[in-house]
């Protein structure tokens, strides 16, 4: 059984409206939306250089070489920053022409995005028919594809859609008896999903955390076996130096470290950086575990995902592809907050408009955002902070109501049992 349990009672008719619309309409608009997204993305991949994919291909070309973490991609001056195991995935593509690589990778990213949409709709509204899930997933390809994290992922040739799909599918769709493999694999490729291993442990998903941990260790052991020298360099030195991925106070970094450095107008030292990461991780983990136990696994997932984004020293704006799931939960889920549809619209507008790019942030700007414009420069981070804070307030109120009298369910109905 997955975590999207059938709701006992819904506090709204959004899901019913979704079902009615999809069941009574033809496939013209969904197919048109999907076609527009496909044409736009593949056209851009043919004329626009995907610099992050270029870095991945560089890693694939040097995957078996000791200089894996010393060579740089000339257009950006940056090198490969993921574990050696991740470089192995790009070895085949490194032998193809760049334009073909970009087209193939874009198609794979688009398919992953469509699947991410389908899972988000289905898990947050499990009563929808299969036809409605597919109908809405196709229809939303273009409008939600314009969200800043999605469009940046496609423009840069990033892996976020694929890894985001792996994590969300594992946590929400895979049966508990098989859960963990995809999270472990995602963590072996890009370290940040490793936060789900202690989350599985603390929420008593015993098999899940064990499978995730073993998968992570085995996968990275493969990287060590095929690239011993590079692995030594990465695990002993590079993994502890997040600054090697770029200028961390840049406005594109929406993690707590980046925000604090912009507020202070100077970089912070390593002990303070790791201290912030620890505090945010522990605080967010505590709230996520309580949300899992007292509210719903879906809310627990959203809190731990927000915690991951906040705690990572490097949390670029294009990492937030999971905001698609947040929007679906706010609009459709049985345990969504009051006025959830309005909150979903607000989050959508923020990530469509991307106010973080409204402030001056060019090469000559070291610390973007001053005065009131800080709210714009750190708007993605503010949304992420709101998730665990709002959840903590919700849990406190729920506990207070349980202790003080009539029990009101999270769906707004009086519980007299």
Protein backbone atom coordinates (compact mmCIF):
# COMPACT_ATOMS: atom_id res chain seq x y z
CA UNK A 1 0.00 0.00 0.00
CA UNK A 2 1.40 3.42 -0.90
CA UNK A 3 1.07 6.52 1.25
CA UNK A 4 -1.76 8.07 -0.74
CA UNK A 5 -4.52 6.53 1.32
CA UNK A 6 -8.08 7.09 0.11
CA UNK A 7 -9.52 10.11 1.96
CA UNK A 8 -12.41 9.61 4.35
CA UNK A 9 -13.88 12.96 3.50
CA UNK A 10 -12.75 15.83 1.32
CA UNK A 11 -13.08 19.43 2.35
CA UNK A 12 -13.82 20.72 -1.10
CA UNK A 13 -14.77 19.73 -4.57
CA UNK A 14 -11.55 20.48 -6.44
CA UNK A 15 -10.92 16.81 -7.17
CA UNK A 16 -14.51 16.35 -8.29
CA UNK A 17 -14.19 19.34 -10.59
CA UNK A 18 -10.97 17.92 -12.00
CA UNK A 19 -12.74 14.63 -12.69
CA UNK A 20 -15.77 16.31 -14.26
CA UNK A 21 -13.68 18.51 -16.53
CA UNK A 22 -11.42 15.70 -17.72
CA UNK A 23 -14.24 13.23 -18.29
CA UNK A 24 -16.33 15.67 -20.31
CA UNK A 25 -13.64 17.18 -22.52
CA UNK A 26 -11.81 15.91 -25.58
CA UNK A 27 -8.06 15.33 -25.79
CA UNK A 28 -7.43 18.36 -28.03
CA UNK A 29 -6.15 20.78 -25.38
CA UNK A 30 -4.02 18.26 -23.45
CA UNK A 31 -2.38 17.01 -26.66
CA UNK A 32 -1.83 20.60 -27.84
CA UNK A 33 -0.25 21.58 -24.53
CA UNK A 34 2.06 18.57 -24.56
CA UNK A 35 2.99 19.25 -28.19
CA UNK A 36 3.82 22.89 -27.46
CA UNK A 37 6.04 21.87 -24.56
CA UNK A 38 7.76 19.20 -26.63
CA UNK A 39 8.39 21.47 -29.61
CA UNK A 40 9.60 24.37 -27.46
CA UNK A 41 11.96 22.26 -25.37
CA UNK A 42 13.48 20.32 -28.27
CA UNK A 43 13.88 23.48 -30.34
CA UNK A 44 15.74 25.17 -27.50
CA UNK A 45 17.94 22.11 -27.09
CA UNK A 46 18.93 22.43 -30.74
CA UNK A 47 19.90 26.12 -30.61
CA UNK A 48 20.86 26.72 -26.97
CA UNK A 49 23.94 25.33 -25.22
CA UNK A 50 23.00 23.33 -22.12
CA UNK A 51 25.97 24.18 -19.95
CA UNK A 52 25.20 21.83 -17.08
CA UNK A 53 24.76 18.91 -19.45
CA UNK A 54 28.12 19.90 -20.93
CA UNK A 55 29.64 19.51 -17.46
CA UNK A 56 27.98 16.10 -17.06
CA UNK A 57 29.37 14.99 -20.42
CA UNK A 58 32.80 16.18 -19.33
CA UNK A 59 32.41 13.97 -16.27
CA UNK A 60 31.41 11.04 -18.46
CA UNK A 61 34.45 11.54 -20.68
CA UNK A 62 36.75 11.50 -17.63
CA UNK A 63 34.83 9.02 -15.49
CA UNK A 64 37.68 6.52 -15.40
CA UNK A 65 40.45 9.10 -15.16
CA UNK A 66 42.17 10.45 -12.03
CA UNK A 67 41.62 14.02 -13.28
CA UNK A 68 37.82 13.79 -13.05
CA UNK A 69 37.69 16.61 -10.49
CA UNK A 70 40.48 18.69 -11.99
CA UNK A 71 39.31 19.26 -15.57
CA UNK A 72 36.87 22.11 -16.18
CA UNK A 73 34.18 22.80 -18.71
CA UNK A 74 35.56 25.75 -20.66
CA UNK A 75 32.32 27.72 -21.25
CA UNK A 76 31.72 28.02 -17.48
CA UNK A 77 35.09 27.29 -15.90
CA UNK A 78 33.40 24.79 -13.58
CA UNK A 79 34.17 21.14 -13.12
CA UNK A 80 32.22 17.98 -12.37
CA UNK A 81 30.81 18.14 -8.82
CA UNK A 82 28.78 14.95 -8.34
CA UNK A 83 30.09 11.65 -6.92
CA UNK A 84 32.11 9.44 -9.30
CA UNK A 85 29.16 7.05 -9.59
CA UNK A 86 27.16 9.85 -11.25
CA UNK A 87 29.82 10.30 -13.93
CA UNK A 88 29.37 6.68 -15.02
CA UNK A 89 25.82 7.43 -16.20
CA UNK A 90 27.14 9.90 -18.75
CA UNK A 91 29.86 7.71 -20.23
CA UNK A 92 27.66 6.52 -23.16
CA UNK A 93 26.43 10.04 -23.97
CA UNK A 94 29.97 11.42 -23.93
CA UNK A 95 30.65 9.57 -27.22
CA UNK A 96 27.73 11.17 -29.09
CA UNK A 97 27.59 14.56 -30.84
CA UNK A 98 26.62 17.32 -28.42
CA UNK A 99 23.45 18.27 -30.29
CA UNK A 100 22.24 14.68 -30.22
CA UNK A 101 23.04 14.50 -26.50
CA UNK A 102 21.06 17.64 -25.83
CA UNK A 103 18.04 16.38 -27.76
CA UNK A 104 18.05 12.95 -26.12
CA UNK A 105 18.56 14.37 -22.65
CA UNK A 106 15.78 16.93 -23.15
CA UNK A 107 13.36 14.21 -24.25
CA UNK A 108 14.25 12.11 -21.21
CA UNK A 109 13.78 15.14 -18.94
CA UNK A 110 10.39 15.90 -20.51
CA UNK A 111 9.19 12.32 -20.03
CA UNK A 112 10.32 12.48 -16.40
CA UNK A 113 8.46 15.77 -15.96
CA UNK A 114 5.24 14.28 -17.40
CA UNK A 115 5.55 11.32 -15.03
CA UNK A 116 6.20 13.71 -12.15
CA UNK A 117 3.00 15.56 -13.02
CA UNK A 118 1.02 12.33 -13.21
CA UNK A 119 2.29 11.11 -9.84
CA UNK A 120 1.62 14.48 -8.22
CA UNK A 121 -1.97 14.55 -9.45
CA UNK A 122 -2.68 10.90 -8.66
CA UNK A 123 -1.14 10.80 -5.18
CA UNK A 124 -2.73 14.03 -3.99
CA UNK A 125 -6.12 13.10 -5.46
CA UNK A 126 -6.31 9.29 -5.46
CA UNK A 127 -10.01 9.23 -6.43
CA UNK A 128 -9.26 10.56 -9.92
CA UNK A 129 -9.63 8.05 -12.73
CA UNK A 130 -6.62 7.03 -14.81
CA UNK A 131 -8.01 8.94 -17.77
CA UNK A 132 -8.28 12.13 -15.71
CA UNK A 133 -4.75 11.77 -14.37
CA UNK A 134 -3.33 11.45 -17.89
CA UNK A 135 -5.60 14.23 -19.21
CA UNK A 136 -4.50 16.73 -16.57
CA UNK A 137 -0.84 15.68 -16.73
CA UNK A 138 -0.69 16.41 -20.45
CA UNK A 139 -2.65 19.64 -20.09
CA UNK A 140 -0.28 20.95 -17.41
CA UNK A 141 2.93 20.22 -19.31
CA UNK A 142 3.24 23.71 -20.78
CA UNK A 143 1.83 25.90 -17.96
CA UNK A 144 3.75 24.11 -15.19
CA UNK A 145 6.72 23.64 -17.50
CA UNK A 146 7.07 27.42 -17.30
CA UNK A 147 7.76 27.28 -13.57
CA UNK A 148 11.26 28.60 -13.02
CA UNK A 149 12.79 25.34 -11.69
CA UNK A 150 11.40 23.34 -14.62
CA UNK A 151 12.34 25.78 -17.38
CA UNK A 152 15.82 26.29 -15.88
CA UNK A 153 16.28 22.52 -15.64
CA UNK A 154 15.46 22.17 -19.34
CA UNK A 155 17.55 25.16 -20.40
CA UNK A 156 20.61 24.03 -18.46
CA UNK A 157 20.28 20.32 -19.20
CA UNK A 158 20.01 19.50 -15.51
CA UNK A 159 19.17 16.10 -13.95
CA UNK A 160 16.58 17.49 -11.55
CA UNK A 161 13.46 16.16 -13.30
CA UNK A 162 14.86 12.63 -13.40
CA UNK A 163 16.11 12.59 -9.81
CA UNK A 164 13.00 14.39 -8.54
CA UNK A 165 10.84 11.75 -10.20
CA UNK A 166 12.89 8.94 -8.65
CA UNK A 167 12.56 10.34 -5.13
CA UNK A 168 8.87 11.29 -5.33
CA UNK A 169 7.91 8.00 -6.96
CA UNK A 170 9.82 6.01 -4.34
CA UNK A 171 8.34 7.88 -1.37
CA UNK A 172 4.74 8.13 -2.58
CA UNK A 173 4.07 5.33 -5.07
CA UNK A 174 6.35 2.38 -4.34
CA UNK A 175 5.00 -0.17 -1.87
CA UNK A 176 6.68 -0.06 1.58
CA UNK A 177 8.15 -3.51 1.01
CA UNK A 178 10.12 -2.23 -1.98
CA UNK A 179 10.67 1.41 -1.03
CA UNK A 180 14.18 2.81 -0.71
CA UNK A 181 16.05 1.66 -3.80
CA UNK A 182 15.31 4.76 -5.88
CA UNK A 183 16.11 7.13 -3.02
CA UNK A 184 19.43 5.38 -2.45
CA UNK A 185 20.24 5.55 -6.15
CA UNK A 186 19.32 9.25 -6.31
CA UNK A 187 21.51 9.96 -3.26
CA UNK A 188 24.43 8.13 -4.88
CA UNK A 189 24.11 10.42 -7.91
CA UNK A 190 23.39 13.68 -6.07
CA UNK A 191 23.98 13.63 -2.33
CA UNK A 192 21.07 15.76 -1.08
CA UNK A 193 18.41 12.98 -1.14
CA UNK A 194 20.45 11.20 1.54
CA UNK A 195 18.33 13.07 4.11
CA UNK A 196 15.54 10.60 3.37
CA UNK A 197 17.52 7.75 4.94
CA UNK A 198 17.29 9.09 8.53
CA UNK A 199 13.74 10.26 7.71
CA UNK A 200 12.78 6.67 6.81
CA UNK A 201 14.45 5.46 9.99
CA UNK A 202 12.71 7.95 12.28
CA UNK A 203 9.31 7.27 10.71
CA UNK A 204 9.82 3.54 11.34
CA UNK A 205 10.05 2.60 7.67
CA UNK A 206 12.65 0.03 8.57
CA UNK A 207 13.03 -1.76 5.27
CA UNK A 208 13.03 1.51 3.34
CA UNK A 209 15.97 3.09 5.17
CA UNK A 210 17.96 -0.14 5.00
CA UNK A 211 17.41 -0.54 1.27
CA UNK A 212 18.19 3.12 0.63
CA UNK A 213 21.41 2.95 2.68
CA UNK A 214 22.61 -0.27 1.08
CA UNK A 215 21.84 1.02 -2.42
CA UNK A 216 23.71 4.25 -1.70
CA UNK A 217 26.77 2.44 -0.32
CA UNK A 218 26.90 -0.16 -3.10
CA UNK A 219 26.46 2.41 -5.85
CA UNK A 220 29.21 4.65 -4.57
CA UNK A 221 31.40 1.61 -3.92
CA UNK A 222 31.13 0.94 -7.65
CA UNK A 223 32.36 4.48 -8.22
CA UNK A 224 35.30 3.86 -5.92
CA UNK A 225 36.13 0.61 -7.69
CA UNK A 226 36.24 2.11 -11.20
CA UNK A 227 37.71 5.51 -10.28
CA UNK A 228 39.72 5.02 -7.09
CA UNK A 229 41.92 8.10 -7.37
CA UNK A 230 39.05 10.42 -8.28
CA UNK A 231 36.87 8.92 -5.54
CA UNK A 232 39.57 9.60 -2.97
CA UNK A 233 39.75 13.20 -4.12
CA UNK A 234 35.99 13.59 -3.98
CA UNK A 235 35.19 11.93 -0.64
CA UNK A 236 38.21 13.27 1.23
CA UNK A 237 38.37 16.81 -0.12
CA UNK A 238 35.81 17.98 -2.67
CA UNK A 239 32.61 16.91 -0.90
CA UNK A 240 33.57 19.16 2.04
CA UNK A 241 34.12 22.21 -0.19
CA UNK A 242 30.72 23.25 -1.56
CA UNK A 243 32.19 26.53 -2.84
CA UNK A 244 33.83 24.65 -5.68
CA UNK A 245 30.46 24.50 -7.48
CA UNK A 246 30.31 28.29 -7.86
CA UNK A 247 29.74 31.55 -5.99
CA UNK A 248 27.46 30.43 -3.15
CA UNK A 249 26.05 33.88 -2.23
CA UNK A 250 24.74 34.20 -5.80
CA UNK A 251 21.01 34.90 -5.81
CA UNK A 252 20.35 31.56 -7.50
CA UNK A 253 21.33 29.79 -4.27
CA UNK A 254 18.11 29.72 -2.23
CA UNK A 255 19.38 27.55 0.60
CA UNK A 256 19.82 28.99 4.09
CA UNK A 257 23.59 29.36 3.66
CA UNK A 258 23.19 31.46 0.53
CA UNK A 259 20.50 33.64 2.11
CA UNK A 260 22.54 34.24 5.27
CA UNK A 261 25.60 35.22 3.25
CA UNK A 262 23.55 37.71 1.23
CA UNK A 263 22.05 39.16 4.40
CA UNK A 264 25.46 39.49 6.06
CA UNK A 265 27.08 40.70 2.83
CA UNK A 266 30.02 38.35 3.30
CA UNK A 267 30.76 34.64 3.09
CA UNK A 268 30.56 32.54 6.22
CA UNK A 269 33.18 30.08 7.41
CA UNK A 270 32.87 26.31 7.15
CA UNK A 271 31.99 25.64 10.83
CA UNK A 272 29.14 28.16 10.72
CA UNK A 273 27.95 26.74 7.40
CA UNK A 274 27.86 23.18 8.71
CA UNK A 275 26.24 24.44 11.93
CA UNK A 276 23.41 26.05 9.95
CA UNK A 277 22.99 22.88 7.93
CA UNK A 278 22.78 20.80 11.12
CA UNK A 279 20.27 23.10 12.84
CA UNK A 280 17.99 23.32 9.80
CA UNK A 281 18.23 19.58 9.16
CA UNK A 282 17.42 18.59 12.74
CA UNK A 283 14.61 21.11 13.11
CA UNK A 284 13.02 20.24 9.79
CA UNK A 285 13.46 16.52 10.41
CA UNK A 286 11.66 16.76 13.75
CA UNK A 287 8.70 18.57 12.18
CA UNK A 288 8.58 16.19 9.21
CA UNK A 289 8.51 13.11 11.44
CA UNK A 290 5.70 14.55 13.56
CA UNK A 291 3.78 15.53 10.43
CA UNK A 292 4.15 11.98 9.11
CA UNK A 293 2.80 10.52 12.34
CA UNK A 294 0.12 13.05 13.28
CA UNK A 295 -1.10 14.48 9.98
CA UNK A 296 -0.21 12.57 6.83
CA UNK A 297 2.77 11.00 5.06
CA UNK A 298 2.28 13.46 2.19
CA UNK A 299 2.78 16.44 4.48
CA UNK A 300 5.76 14.73 6.07
CA UNK A 301 7.28 14.30 2.63
CA UNK A 302 6.78 17.98 1.77
CA UNK A 303 8.41 19.10 5.02
CA UNK A 304 11.44 16.85 4.61
CA UNK A 305 11.78 17.93 0.98
CA UNK A 306 11.70 21.59 2.03
CA UNK A 307 14.24 20.80 4.73
CA UNK A 308 16.55 19.24 2.16
CA UNK A 309 16.31 22.35 -0.01
CA UNK A 310 16.95 24.70 2.90
CA UNK A 311 19.76 22.74 4.53
CA UNK A 312 21.85 22.11 1.45
CA UNK A 313 24.77 24.58 1.21
CA UNK A 314 24.11 24.61 -2.53
CA UNK A 315 20.42 24.84 -3.36
CA UNK A 316 20.16 26.39 -6.80
CA UNK A 317 16.75 27.61 -7.93
CA UNK A 318 16.48 24.84 -10.53
CA UNK A 319 16.65 22.22 -7.77
CA UNK A 320 13.07 23.03 -6.70
CA UNK A 321 11.29 20.90 -9.30
CA UNK A 322 9.35 19.21 -6.48
CA UNK A 323 7.33 22.43 -6.15
CA UNK A 324 5.04 20.76 -8.71
CA UNK A 325 4.07 18.26 -6.02
CA UNK A 326 3.59 21.08 -3.49
CA UNK A 327 1.17 22.88 -5.82
CA UNK A 328 -0.80 19.67 -6.41
CA UNK A 329 -1.00 19.00 -2.67
CA UNK A 330 -2.20 22.53 -1.91
CA UNK A 331 -4.88 22.30 -4.60
CA UNK A 332 -6.06 18.72 -4.32
CA UNK A 333 -5.00 16.81 -1.21
CA UNK A 334 -7.52 15.90 1.47
CA UNK A 335 -5.23 17.30 4.19
CA UNK A 336 -4.43 20.54 2.39
CA UNK A 337 -4.68 23.75 4.41
CA UNK A 338 -7.74 25.96 4.42
CA UNK A 339 -7.97 27.95 1.16
CA UNK A 340 -5.48 25.51 -0.31
CA UNK A 341 -6.43 26.40 -3.88
CA UNK A 342 -5.48 30.04 -3.26
CA UNK A 343 -2.17 29.02 -1.70
CA UNK A 344 -1.50 26.79 -4.71
CA UNK A 345 -2.14 29.75 -7.01
CA UNK A 346 0.19 31.97 -4.97
CA UNK A 347 3.00 29.43 -5.00
CA UNK A 348 2.51 28.96 -8.74
CA UNK A 349 2.75 32.71 -9.35
CA UNK A 350 5.91 33.00 -7.26
CA UNK A 351 7.64 30.20 -9.13
CA UNK A 352 6.35 31.37 -12.51
CA UNK A 353 7.40 34.99 -11.99
CA UNK A 354 10.62 34.04 -10.15
CA UNK A 355 11.15 37.34 -8.24
CA UNK A 356 14.66 36.20 -7.32
CA UNK A 357 15.75 37.32 -10.80
CA UNK A 358 14.13 40.77 -10.50
CA UNK A 359 16.95 42.16 -8.35
CA UNK A 360 20.33 43.10 -9.89
CA UNK A 361 22.38 39.91 -9.98
CA UNK A 362 24.93 40.23 -12.78
CA UNK A 363 28.65 39.38 -12.63
CA UNK A 364 29.42 42.68 -10.88
CA UNK A 365 26.88 42.03 -8.07
CA UNK A 366 28.36 39.92 -5.30
CA UNK A 367 25.47 40.08 -2.84
CA UNK A 368 22.06 40.59 -4.42
CA UNK A 369 19.19 42.15 -2.50
CA UNK A 370 19.19 45.19 -0.25
CA UNK A 371 16.45 46.56 1.98
CA UNK A 372 12.98 45.50 0.91
CA UNK A 373 14.35 43.80 -2.24
CA UNK A 374 15.69 41.05 0.03
CA UNK A 375 12.15 39.67 0.04
CA UNK A 376 12.37 39.30 -3.73
CA UNK A 377 15.92 37.96 -3.80
CA UNK A 378 15.07 35.25 -1.24
CA UNK A 379 11.46 34.56 -2.22
CA UNK A 380 11.99 30.86 -3.01
CA UNK A 381 13.67 30.37 0.35
CA UNK A 382 10.78 32.15 2.09
CA UNK A 383 8.33 29.67 0.55
CA UNK A 384 10.50 26.78 1.73
CA UNK A 385 10.72 28.18 5.26
CA UNK A 386 6.94 28.64 5.33
CA UNK A 387 6.34 24.90 4.80
CA UNK A 388 7.89 23.57 8.06
CA UNK A 389 6.78 26.65 10.04
CA UNK A 390 3.16 26.38 8.91
CA UNK A 391 3.25 22.64 9.57
CA UNK A 392 4.61 23.17 13.09
CA UNK A 393 1.82 25.68 13.83
CA UNK A 394 -0.74 23.26 12.44
CA UNK A 395 0.51 20.42 14.64
CA UNK A 396 0.53 22.63 17.73
CA UNK A 397 -3.05 23.73 17.06
CA UNK A 398 -4.08 20.15 16.45
CA UNK A 399 -2.54 19.08 19.76
CA UNK A 400 -4.18 22.00 21.58
CA UNK A 401 -7.60 21.14 20.16
CA UNK A 402 -7.19 17.52 21.19
CA UNK A 403 -6.48 18.60 24.76
CA UNK A 404 -9.08 21.35 25.07
CA UNK A 405 -12.39 19.91 23.96
CA UNK A 406 -14.29 18.97 20.79
CA UNK A 407 -11.98 17.50 18.23
CA UNK A 408 -11.96 19.07 14.82
CA UNK A 409 -10.42 17.02 12.08
CA UNK A 410 -7.95 18.47 9.60
CA UNK A 411 -10.84 18.41 7.10
CA UNK A 412 -12.82 20.98 9.05
CA UNK A 413 -15.53 18.62 10.34
CA UNK A 414 -16.42 17.94 13.98
CA UNK A 415 -15.08 14.64 15.22
CA UNK A 416 -17.30 13.36 18.02
CA UNK A 417 -15.74 9.94 18.28
